[in-house]
N, C-alpha and C. Protein backbone atom coordinates (compact mmCIF):
# COMPACT_ATOMS: atom_id res chain seq x y z
N MET A 1 44.35 -3.04 -43.16
CA MET A 1 45.12 -4.25 -43.30
C MET A 1 46.31 -4.16 -42.35
N THR A 2 46.50 -5.18 -41.56
CA THR A 2 47.62 -5.18 -40.62
C THR A 2 48.92 -5.50 -41.35
N VAL A 3 50.03 -5.24 -40.68
CA VAL A 3 51.34 -5.55 -41.25
C VAL A 3 51.44 -7.05 -41.53
N GLY A 4 50.96 -7.87 -40.60
CA GLY A 4 51.00 -9.33 -40.77
C GLY A 4 50.17 -9.79 -41.96
N GLU A 5 48.99 -9.20 -42.12
CA GLU A 5 48.13 -9.55 -43.26
C GLU A 5 48.78 -9.13 -44.57
N LEU A 6 49.35 -7.93 -44.57
CA LEU A 6 50.03 -7.43 -45.76
C LEU A 6 51.20 -8.33 -46.14
N GLN A 7 51.99 -8.72 -45.15
CA GLN A 7 53.13 -9.59 -45.43
C GLN A 7 52.66 -10.96 -45.92
N ALA A 8 51.60 -11.48 -45.33
CA ALA A 8 51.06 -12.77 -45.77
C ALA A 8 50.58 -12.68 -47.21
N LEU A 9 49.89 -11.60 -47.54
CA LEU A 9 49.40 -11.40 -48.91
C LEU A 9 50.57 -11.38 -49.89
N ARG A 10 51.60 -10.63 -49.54
CA ARG A 10 52.77 -10.53 -50.43
C ARG A 10 53.49 -11.88 -50.53
N ASP A 11 53.63 -12.58 -49.41
CA ASP A 11 54.32 -13.88 -49.43
C ASP A 11 53.56 -14.89 -50.30
N VAL A 12 52.24 -14.93 -50.14
CA VAL A 12 51.43 -15.89 -50.91
C VAL A 12 51.48 -15.52 -52.40
N ALA A 13 51.33 -14.25 -52.72
CA ALA A 13 51.40 -13.82 -54.13
C ALA A 13 52.76 -14.21 -54.73
N ARG A 14 53.82 -13.98 -53.98
CA ARG A 14 55.17 -14.33 -54.47
C ARG A 14 55.26 -15.84 -54.72
N ALA A 15 54.73 -16.64 -53.79
CA ALA A 15 54.77 -18.10 -53.95
C ALA A 15 53.98 -18.55 -55.18
N LEU A 16 52.94 -17.79 -55.52
CA LEU A 16 52.11 -18.13 -56.68
C LEU A 16 52.66 -17.55 -57.98
N GLY A 17 53.64 -16.67 -57.87
CA GLY A 17 54.23 -16.07 -59.06
C GLY A 17 53.38 -14.98 -59.69
N ARG A 18 52.57 -14.32 -58.88
CA ARG A 18 51.71 -13.24 -59.38
C ARG A 18 51.91 -12.01 -58.51
N PRO A 19 51.62 -10.82 -59.05
CA PRO A 19 51.74 -9.61 -58.24
C PRO A 19 50.71 -9.60 -57.11
N PRO A 20 51.07 -9.03 -55.98
CA PRO A 20 50.14 -9.03 -54.84
C PRO A 20 48.85 -8.25 -55.10
N ASP A 21 48.89 -7.25 -55.97
CA ASP A 21 47.66 -6.51 -56.24
C ASP A 21 46.61 -7.40 -56.91
N GLU A 22 47.04 -8.38 -57.70
CA GLU A 22 46.09 -9.29 -58.33
C GLU A 22 45.41 -10.19 -57.30
N LEU A 23 46.19 -10.72 -56.38
CA LEU A 23 45.61 -11.55 -55.32
C LEU A 23 44.68 -10.71 -54.45
N ALA A 24 45.09 -9.49 -54.15
CA ALA A 24 44.25 -8.59 -53.35
C ALA A 24 42.94 -8.28 -54.06
N ALA A 25 43.00 -8.00 -55.37
CA ALA A 25 41.79 -7.70 -56.13
C ALA A 25 40.85 -8.91 -56.15
N LEU A 26 41.43 -10.11 -56.27
CA LEU A 26 40.64 -11.33 -56.27
C LEU A 26 39.91 -11.52 -54.94
N ILE A 27 40.64 -11.36 -53.84
CA ILE A 27 40.02 -11.50 -52.51
C ILE A 27 39.00 -10.39 -52.28
N ASP A 28 39.34 -9.19 -52.70
CA ASP A 28 38.42 -8.06 -52.55
C ASP A 28 37.09 -8.34 -53.26
N PHE A 29 37.18 -8.88 -54.47
CA PHE A 29 35.96 -9.21 -55.22
C PHE A 29 35.20 -10.35 -54.56
N GLU A 30 35.89 -11.41 -54.21
CA GLU A 30 35.23 -12.59 -53.64
C GLU A 30 34.59 -12.30 -52.28
N THR A 31 35.09 -11.33 -51.54
CA THR A 31 34.52 -11.00 -50.24
C THR A 31 33.66 -9.72 -50.30
N ALA A 32 33.31 -9.30 -51.49
CA ALA A 32 32.49 -8.09 -51.68
C ALA A 32 33.10 -6.89 -50.97
N GLY A 33 34.44 -6.81 -51.02
CA GLY A 33 35.15 -5.68 -50.43
C GLY A 33 35.31 -5.72 -48.93
N THR A 34 34.88 -6.79 -48.28
CA THR A 34 34.92 -6.83 -46.81
C THR A 34 36.22 -7.41 -46.25
N TRP A 35 36.88 -8.26 -46.98
CA TRP A 35 38.06 -8.98 -46.51
C TRP A 35 37.74 -9.76 -45.23
N ASN A 36 36.51 -10.17 -45.09
CA ASN A 36 36.06 -10.93 -43.92
C ASN A 36 36.35 -12.41 -44.15
N PRO A 37 37.29 -12.99 -43.40
CA PRO A 37 37.63 -14.40 -43.62
C PRO A 37 36.51 -15.36 -43.21
N GLN A 38 35.49 -14.85 -42.52
CA GLN A 38 34.36 -15.67 -42.09
C GLN A 38 33.15 -15.52 -43.03
N LEU A 39 33.25 -14.66 -44.02
CA LEU A 39 32.12 -14.35 -44.90
C LEU A 39 31.53 -15.60 -45.54
N LYS A 40 30.20 -15.70 -45.49
CA LYS A 40 29.49 -16.80 -46.14
C LYS A 40 28.57 -16.25 -47.21
N ASN A 41 28.59 -16.87 -48.35
CA ASN A 41 27.68 -16.51 -49.43
C ASN A 41 26.29 -17.01 -49.03
N PRO A 42 25.29 -16.14 -48.97
CA PRO A 42 23.96 -16.57 -48.54
C PRO A 42 23.29 -17.54 -49.52
N GLY A 43 23.79 -17.60 -50.76
CA GLY A 43 23.17 -18.46 -51.75
C GLY A 43 23.88 -19.79 -51.98
N SER A 44 24.94 -20.04 -51.21
CA SER A 44 25.68 -21.30 -51.40
C SER A 44 26.44 -21.65 -50.12
N SER A 45 27.26 -22.67 -50.21
CA SER A 45 28.07 -23.07 -49.06
C SER A 45 29.41 -22.34 -49.02
N ALA A 46 29.64 -21.42 -49.95
CA ALA A 46 30.93 -20.74 -50.08
C ALA A 46 31.22 -19.84 -48.89
N ARG A 47 32.47 -19.93 -48.39
CA ARG A 47 32.91 -19.13 -47.25
C ARG A 47 34.38 -18.76 -47.41
N GLY A 48 34.75 -17.71 -46.70
CA GLY A 48 36.15 -17.35 -46.60
C GLY A 48 36.64 -16.37 -47.65
N LEU A 49 37.96 -16.15 -47.63
CA LEU A 49 38.57 -15.13 -48.49
C LEU A 49 38.41 -15.41 -49.97
N ILE A 50 38.45 -16.70 -50.35
CA ILE A 50 38.25 -17.00 -51.77
C ILE A 50 37.00 -17.87 -51.96
N GLN A 51 36.10 -17.80 -51.00
CA GLN A 51 34.80 -18.45 -51.06
C GLN A 51 34.89 -19.95 -51.36
N PHE A 52 35.49 -20.66 -50.43
CA PHE A 52 35.61 -22.12 -50.54
C PHE A 52 34.23 -22.76 -50.44
N MET A 53 33.91 -23.59 -51.39
CA MET A 53 32.65 -24.36 -51.36
C MET A 53 32.87 -25.57 -50.44
N ASP A 54 31.76 -26.13 -49.92
CA ASP A 54 31.86 -27.32 -49.06
C ASP A 54 32.62 -28.45 -49.76
N LEU A 55 32.30 -28.71 -51.01
CA LEU A 55 32.96 -29.80 -51.74
C LEU A 55 34.46 -29.57 -51.83
N THR A 56 34.85 -28.37 -52.15
CA THR A 56 36.28 -28.04 -52.25
C THR A 56 36.96 -28.20 -50.89
N ALA A 57 36.32 -27.70 -49.84
CA ALA A 57 36.89 -27.81 -48.50
C ALA A 57 37.05 -29.28 -48.10
N ARG A 58 36.07 -30.10 -48.45
CA ARG A 58 36.18 -31.53 -48.13
C ARG A 58 37.34 -32.17 -48.90
N GLU A 59 37.49 -31.79 -50.17
CA GLU A 59 38.61 -32.32 -50.98
C GLU A 59 39.95 -31.93 -50.36
N MET A 60 39.97 -30.82 -49.62
CA MET A 60 41.20 -30.34 -48.99
C MET A 60 41.41 -30.94 -47.60
N GLY A 61 40.47 -31.78 -47.15
CA GLY A 61 40.64 -32.45 -45.87
C GLY A 61 39.86 -31.86 -44.71
N TYR A 62 38.97 -30.93 -44.97
CA TYR A 62 38.15 -30.33 -43.92
C TYR A 62 36.76 -30.95 -43.96
N ASN A 63 35.96 -30.70 -42.93
CA ASN A 63 34.60 -31.23 -42.88
C ASN A 63 33.62 -30.37 -43.67
N GLY A 64 34.11 -29.37 -44.33
CA GLY A 64 33.29 -28.45 -45.11
C GLY A 64 33.86 -27.05 -44.98
N SER A 65 33.21 -26.09 -45.62
CA SER A 65 33.73 -24.72 -45.60
C SER A 65 33.64 -24.09 -44.21
N ALA A 66 32.63 -24.45 -43.42
CA ALA A 66 32.52 -23.91 -42.07
C ALA A 66 33.70 -24.38 -41.21
N ASP A 67 34.10 -25.63 -41.37
CA ASP A 67 35.24 -26.18 -40.65
C ASP A 67 36.52 -25.46 -41.08
N LEU A 68 36.68 -25.24 -42.37
CA LEU A 68 37.87 -24.56 -42.89
C LEU A 68 38.02 -23.17 -42.27
N VAL A 69 36.95 -22.37 -42.30
CA VAL A 69 37.08 -21.01 -41.76
C VAL A 69 37.19 -21.02 -40.24
N ALA A 70 36.64 -22.03 -39.58
CA ALA A 70 36.79 -22.13 -38.12
C ALA A 70 38.25 -22.42 -37.75
N ARG A 71 38.91 -23.23 -38.55
CA ARG A 71 40.31 -23.57 -38.28
C ARG A 71 41.27 -22.44 -38.68
N PHE A 72 40.85 -21.60 -39.62
CA PHE A 72 41.67 -20.49 -40.11
C PHE A 72 40.82 -19.22 -40.05
N PRO A 73 40.61 -18.68 -38.84
CA PRO A 73 39.64 -17.60 -38.65
C PRO A 73 40.11 -16.20 -39.04
N THR A 74 41.39 -16.03 -39.32
CA THR A 74 41.89 -14.69 -39.62
C THR A 74 42.35 -14.60 -41.07
N VAL A 75 42.50 -13.37 -41.53
CA VAL A 75 42.99 -13.13 -42.90
C VAL A 75 44.36 -13.78 -43.07
N GLU A 76 45.27 -13.50 -42.15
CA GLU A 76 46.63 -14.03 -42.26
C GLU A 76 46.65 -15.55 -42.25
N ALA A 77 45.93 -16.15 -41.33
CA ALA A 77 45.90 -17.62 -41.24
C ALA A 77 45.30 -18.24 -42.49
N GLN A 78 44.25 -17.65 -43.00
CA GLN A 78 43.61 -18.22 -44.18
C GLN A 78 44.50 -18.07 -45.42
N LEU A 79 45.18 -16.91 -45.54
CA LEU A 79 46.10 -16.72 -46.66
C LEU A 79 47.22 -17.75 -46.63
N ARG A 80 47.89 -17.87 -45.49
CA ARG A 80 49.05 -18.76 -45.38
C ARG A 80 48.65 -20.24 -45.37
N GLY A 81 47.40 -20.52 -45.03
CA GLY A 81 46.92 -21.89 -44.97
C GLY A 81 46.16 -22.31 -46.21
N PRO A 82 44.84 -22.36 -46.12
CA PRO A 82 44.05 -22.92 -47.22
C PRO A 82 44.10 -22.14 -48.53
N VAL A 83 44.25 -20.82 -48.50
CA VAL A 83 44.32 -20.07 -49.76
C VAL A 83 45.57 -20.48 -50.54
N LEU A 84 46.72 -20.47 -49.87
CA LEU A 84 47.95 -20.88 -50.55
C LEU A 84 47.88 -22.34 -50.97
N SER A 85 47.40 -23.19 -50.10
CA SER A 85 47.30 -24.62 -50.41
C SER A 85 46.42 -24.85 -51.64
N TYR A 86 45.26 -24.24 -51.65
CA TYR A 86 44.33 -24.42 -52.77
C TYR A 86 44.92 -23.86 -54.06
N LEU A 87 45.39 -22.63 -54.03
CA LEU A 87 45.89 -22.01 -55.26
C LEU A 87 47.17 -22.67 -55.78
N SER A 88 47.94 -23.27 -54.90
CA SER A 88 49.16 -23.96 -55.34
C SER A 88 48.84 -25.14 -56.26
N ARG A 89 47.67 -25.71 -56.10
CA ARG A 89 47.26 -26.84 -56.94
C ARG A 89 47.21 -26.51 -58.43
N TYR A 90 46.89 -25.25 -58.73
CA TYR A 90 46.62 -24.86 -60.12
C TYR A 90 47.77 -24.09 -60.77
N MET A 91 48.92 -24.04 -60.12
CA MET A 91 50.05 -23.33 -60.69
C MET A 91 50.52 -24.03 -61.97
N PRO A 92 51.15 -23.30 -62.86
CA PRO A 92 51.55 -21.90 -62.79
C PRO A 92 50.41 -20.97 -63.23
N TYR A 93 50.61 -19.69 -62.94
CA TYR A 93 49.64 -18.65 -63.29
C TYR A 93 50.28 -17.67 -64.27
N PRO A 94 50.17 -17.95 -65.55
CA PRO A 94 50.77 -17.05 -66.53
C PRO A 94 49.99 -15.75 -66.74
N SER A 95 48.79 -15.68 -66.16
CA SER A 95 47.96 -14.49 -66.38
C SER A 95 47.00 -14.28 -65.21
N LEU A 96 46.42 -13.09 -65.17
CA LEU A 96 45.38 -12.80 -64.19
C LEU A 96 44.20 -13.74 -64.40
N GLN A 97 43.87 -14.01 -65.64
CA GLN A 97 42.76 -14.92 -65.93
C GLN A 97 42.99 -16.29 -65.30
N ALA A 98 44.18 -16.82 -65.42
CA ALA A 98 44.46 -18.15 -64.86
C ALA A 98 44.28 -18.15 -63.34
N LEU A 99 44.75 -17.08 -62.68
CA LEU A 99 44.58 -16.97 -61.23
C LEU A 99 43.10 -16.83 -60.87
N ALA A 100 42.41 -15.96 -61.56
CA ALA A 100 40.99 -15.71 -61.27
C ALA A 100 40.15 -16.96 -61.47
N MET A 101 40.39 -17.65 -62.55
CA MET A 101 39.58 -18.83 -62.84
C MET A 101 39.90 -19.99 -61.91
N ALA A 102 41.10 -20.04 -61.35
CA ALA A 102 41.41 -21.08 -60.38
C ALA A 102 40.44 -21.00 -59.21
N VAL A 103 40.00 -19.80 -58.89
CA VAL A 103 39.03 -19.60 -57.80
C VAL A 103 37.60 -19.75 -58.30
N PHE A 104 37.28 -19.12 -59.41
CA PHE A 104 35.89 -19.06 -59.87
C PHE A 104 35.43 -20.31 -60.61
N TYR A 105 36.24 -20.78 -61.55
CA TYR A 105 35.84 -21.89 -62.41
C TYR A 105 37.11 -22.49 -63.02
N PRO A 106 37.79 -23.38 -62.28
CA PRO A 106 39.12 -23.85 -62.68
C PRO A 106 39.24 -24.36 -64.11
N ALA A 107 38.21 -24.96 -64.64
CA ALA A 107 38.29 -25.46 -66.02
C ALA A 107 38.53 -24.35 -67.03
N ALA A 108 38.21 -23.11 -66.65
CA ALA A 108 38.30 -21.97 -67.58
C ALA A 108 39.62 -21.21 -67.49
N ARG A 109 40.60 -21.75 -66.79
CA ARG A 109 41.86 -21.02 -66.61
C ARG A 109 42.50 -20.61 -67.92
N TYR A 110 42.36 -21.44 -68.95
CA TYR A 110 43.01 -21.14 -70.23
C TYR A 110 42.01 -21.02 -71.38
N TRP A 111 40.75 -20.83 -71.05
CA TRP A 111 39.73 -20.63 -72.08
C TRP A 111 39.95 -19.30 -72.80
N ASP A 112 39.35 -19.21 -73.96
CA ASP A 112 39.27 -17.92 -74.65
C ASP A 112 38.47 -17.00 -73.72
N PRO A 113 38.92 -15.76 -73.52
CA PRO A 113 38.22 -14.87 -72.59
C PRO A 113 36.75 -14.61 -72.93
N GLU A 114 36.39 -14.76 -74.19
CA GLU A 114 35.00 -14.52 -74.58
C GLU A 114 34.11 -15.76 -74.46
N MET A 115 34.68 -16.85 -74.03
CA MET A 115 33.90 -18.08 -73.88
C MET A 115 32.91 -17.93 -72.74
N SER A 116 31.70 -18.41 -72.95
CA SER A 116 30.63 -18.30 -71.95
C SER A 116 30.65 -19.46 -70.97
N PHE A 117 30.29 -19.15 -69.73
CA PHE A 117 30.14 -20.18 -68.71
C PHE A 117 28.83 -20.92 -68.94
N PRO A 118 28.71 -22.13 -68.39
CA PRO A 118 27.43 -22.84 -68.48
C PRO A 118 26.30 -22.01 -67.85
N ALA A 119 25.09 -22.24 -68.31
CA ALA A 119 23.93 -21.46 -67.85
C ALA A 119 23.78 -21.48 -66.33
N VAL A 120 24.02 -22.61 -65.69
CA VAL A 120 23.87 -22.70 -64.24
C VAL A 120 24.85 -21.78 -63.52
N VAL A 121 26.05 -21.63 -64.06
CA VAL A 121 27.06 -20.73 -63.47
C VAL A 121 26.61 -19.28 -63.66
N GLN A 122 26.10 -18.97 -64.83
CA GLN A 122 25.63 -17.61 -65.09
C GLN A 122 24.45 -17.25 -64.20
N LEU A 123 23.55 -18.19 -63.96
CA LEU A 123 22.40 -17.93 -63.09
C LEU A 123 22.82 -17.65 -61.66
N ALA A 124 23.82 -18.35 -61.18
CA ALA A 124 24.28 -18.18 -59.81
C ALA A 124 25.16 -16.94 -59.64
N ASN A 125 25.62 -16.36 -60.75
CA ASN A 125 26.54 -15.21 -60.72
C ASN A 125 26.07 -14.14 -61.69
N PRO A 126 25.02 -13.42 -61.34
CA PRO A 126 24.49 -12.40 -62.25
C PRO A 126 25.57 -11.42 -62.71
N GLY A 127 25.57 -11.14 -64.00
CA GLY A 127 26.54 -10.20 -64.56
C GLY A 127 27.82 -10.85 -65.03
N ILE A 128 27.99 -12.14 -64.73
CA ILE A 128 29.20 -12.85 -65.18
C ILE A 128 28.77 -13.93 -66.17
N ARG A 129 28.85 -13.57 -67.44
CA ARG A 129 28.47 -14.48 -68.51
C ARG A 129 29.69 -15.16 -69.12
N THR A 130 30.78 -14.38 -69.27
CA THR A 130 31.99 -14.91 -69.89
C THR A 130 33.17 -14.82 -68.93
N VAL A 131 34.25 -15.48 -69.31
CA VAL A 131 35.49 -15.40 -68.54
C VAL A 131 35.91 -13.94 -68.40
N GLN A 132 35.83 -13.20 -69.50
CA GLN A 132 36.25 -11.80 -69.48
C GLN A 132 35.41 -10.97 -68.51
N ASP A 133 34.13 -11.29 -68.35
CA ASP A 133 33.29 -10.55 -67.40
C ASP A 133 33.86 -10.64 -65.99
N TYR A 134 34.32 -11.82 -65.60
CA TYR A 134 34.89 -11.99 -64.26
C TYR A 134 36.23 -11.26 -64.17
N VAL A 135 37.08 -11.44 -65.17
CA VAL A 135 38.40 -10.79 -65.16
C VAL A 135 38.22 -9.27 -65.12
N ASP A 136 37.23 -8.75 -65.83
CA ASP A 136 36.96 -7.31 -65.82
C ASP A 136 36.66 -6.82 -64.40
N GLN A 137 35.93 -7.62 -63.63
CA GLN A 137 35.63 -7.25 -62.24
C GLN A 137 36.92 -7.07 -61.45
N LEU A 138 37.87 -7.96 -61.66
CA LEU A 138 39.15 -7.86 -60.95
C LEU A 138 39.96 -6.68 -61.45
N GLU A 139 39.99 -6.48 -62.75
CA GLU A 139 40.78 -5.39 -63.31
C GLU A 139 40.29 -4.03 -62.80
N ARG A 140 38.99 -3.91 -62.57
CA ARG A 140 38.44 -2.66 -62.01
C ARG A 140 38.94 -2.42 -60.58
N ARG A 141 39.28 -3.47 -59.87
CA ARG A 141 39.75 -3.35 -58.49
C ARG A 141 41.27 -3.22 -58.38
N LEU A 142 41.99 -3.53 -59.44
CA LEU A 142 43.46 -3.52 -59.37
C LEU A 142 44.03 -2.18 -58.95
N GLY A 143 43.48 -1.09 -59.46
CA GLY A 143 44.01 0.23 -59.13
C GLY A 143 44.02 0.51 -57.64
N SER A 144 43.02 0.01 -56.93
CA SER A 144 42.94 0.22 -55.49
C SER A 144 44.06 -0.48 -54.75
N TRP A 145 44.65 -1.47 -55.38
CA TRP A 145 45.67 -2.28 -54.71
C TRP A 145 47.05 -2.13 -55.34
N SER A 146 47.21 -1.22 -56.29
CA SER A 146 48.48 -1.11 -57.01
C SER A 146 49.65 -0.73 -56.10
N TRP A 147 49.40 -0.09 -54.98
CA TRP A 147 50.47 0.27 -54.05
C TRP A 147 51.18 -0.96 -53.50
N LEU A 148 50.52 -2.12 -53.55
CA LEU A 148 51.13 -3.35 -53.06
C LEU A 148 52.32 -3.78 -53.93
N VAL A 149 52.23 -3.50 -55.21
CA VAL A 149 53.25 -3.98 -56.14
C VAL A 149 54.59 -3.32 -55.89
N GLY A 150 54.57 -2.01 -55.64
CA GLY A 150 55.82 -1.29 -55.45
C GLY A 150 56.50 -1.61 -54.14
N GLY A 151 55.76 -2.16 -53.20
CA GLY A 151 56.35 -2.51 -51.93
C GLY A 151 56.72 -1.30 -51.09
N ALA A 152 56.05 -0.17 -51.34
CA ALA A 152 56.39 1.06 -50.64
C ALA A 152 56.25 0.94 -49.13
N LEU A 153 55.43 0.01 -48.69
CA LEU A 153 55.22 -0.11 -47.24
C LEU A 153 56.01 -1.25 -46.62
N ASP A 154 56.89 -1.87 -47.39
CA ASP A 154 57.71 -2.95 -46.83
C ASP A 154 58.61 -2.41 -45.73
N ALA A 155 58.82 -3.23 -44.72
CA ALA A 155 59.77 -2.85 -43.67
C ALA A 155 61.14 -2.70 -44.30
N GLY A 156 61.80 -1.64 -43.97
CA GLY A 156 63.14 -1.41 -44.50
C GLY A 156 63.17 -0.75 -45.86
N ALA A 157 62.00 -0.47 -46.44
CA ALA A 157 61.98 0.19 -47.74
C ALA A 157 62.48 1.62 -47.59
N ALA A 158 63.11 2.11 -48.62
CA ALA A 158 63.60 3.49 -48.59
C ALA A 158 62.42 4.45 -48.50
N VAL A 159 62.54 5.44 -47.65
CA VAL A 159 61.48 6.43 -47.49
C VAL A 159 61.84 7.64 -48.36
N PRO A 160 60.91 8.08 -49.20
CA PRO A 160 61.21 9.22 -50.08
C PRO A 160 61.53 10.48 -49.27
N TRP A 161 62.47 11.28 -49.75
CA TRP A 161 62.88 12.49 -49.04
C TRP A 161 61.72 13.46 -48.88
N GLN A 162 60.76 13.45 -49.83
CA GLN A 162 59.61 14.35 -49.73
C GLN A 162 58.77 14.02 -48.49
N LEU A 163 58.63 12.74 -48.18
CA LEU A 163 57.88 12.33 -47.01
C LEU A 163 58.58 12.79 -45.74
N ILE A 164 59.89 12.59 -45.69
CA ILE A 164 60.66 13.02 -44.53
C ILE A 164 60.56 14.53 -44.36
N ALA A 165 60.71 15.27 -45.45
CA ALA A 165 60.62 16.73 -45.39
C ALA A 165 59.23 17.16 -44.91
N GLY A 166 58.20 16.50 -45.39
CA GLY A 166 56.84 16.83 -44.98
C GLY A 166 56.62 16.62 -43.49
N VAL A 167 57.14 15.55 -42.97
CA VAL A 167 57.01 15.25 -41.54
C VAL A 167 57.76 16.29 -40.72
N VAL A 168 58.97 16.64 -41.14
CA VAL A 168 59.76 17.66 -40.43
C VAL A 168 59.03 18.99 -40.44
N VAL A 169 58.51 19.41 -41.59
CA VAL A 169 57.78 20.68 -41.69
C VAL A 169 56.56 20.65 -40.77
N PHE A 170 55.86 19.52 -40.75
CA PHE A 170 54.67 19.40 -39.90
C PHE A 170 55.03 19.63 -38.43
N PHE A 171 56.07 18.96 -37.96
CA PHE A 171 56.45 19.08 -36.56
C PHE A 171 56.99 20.47 -36.23
N VAL A 172 57.71 21.07 -37.15
CA VAL A 172 58.21 22.43 -36.91
C VAL A 172 57.04 23.40 -36.80
N LEU A 173 56.08 23.31 -37.71
CA LEU A 173 54.91 24.17 -37.66
C LEU A 173 54.09 23.92 -36.40
N ALA A 174 53.93 22.64 -36.07
CA ALA A 174 53.17 22.29 -34.86
C ALA A 174 53.84 22.88 -33.61
N TRP A 175 55.17 22.86 -33.57
CA TRP A 175 55.92 23.40 -32.43
C TRP A 175 55.66 24.89 -32.27
N PHE A 176 55.68 25.63 -33.40
CA PHE A 176 55.48 27.08 -33.33
C PHE A 176 54.03 27.47 -33.08
N LEU A 177 53.11 26.62 -33.44
CA LEU A 177 51.68 26.95 -33.26
C LEU A 177 51.16 26.59 -31.87
N ILE A 178 51.96 25.83 -31.14
CA ILE A 178 51.52 25.41 -29.79
C ILE A 178 51.74 26.48 -28.79
């Protein structure tokens, strides 16, 4: 992830009122871990970081999902553009479930987590029968992105003394071994 992509992710998460690790886990799941802003679902018209369907893209003013990803071809552009625009429609996000369902099935943002999706949704998404099934997928990915929350990689963040000491020791040893 580039610095620009990381900053865009953090900026969008902040604008949505959710931690950046949750947005990262959502994108990670929707792109099957690829973070490919051009990714197309082979079984539908869904494309991009949060898998915009043709109908959704048209409602947003594009000629379809292919047009949307063509106009916003990078992670950073898609985050700051259509991802933020789309997710802003469904604010506020009092929970991970509300954020997740805004992407997967907006009507379910405030459903009971054990409520089942319609059969057609379940058929198109094997393994996702209930709201909780989808949220569980994201929760499994959160740990991989938890470093985003602390902001340890922000520009200007304080660097721990242990890291500085480790770098100094490395260079001193490297100097003597050369």
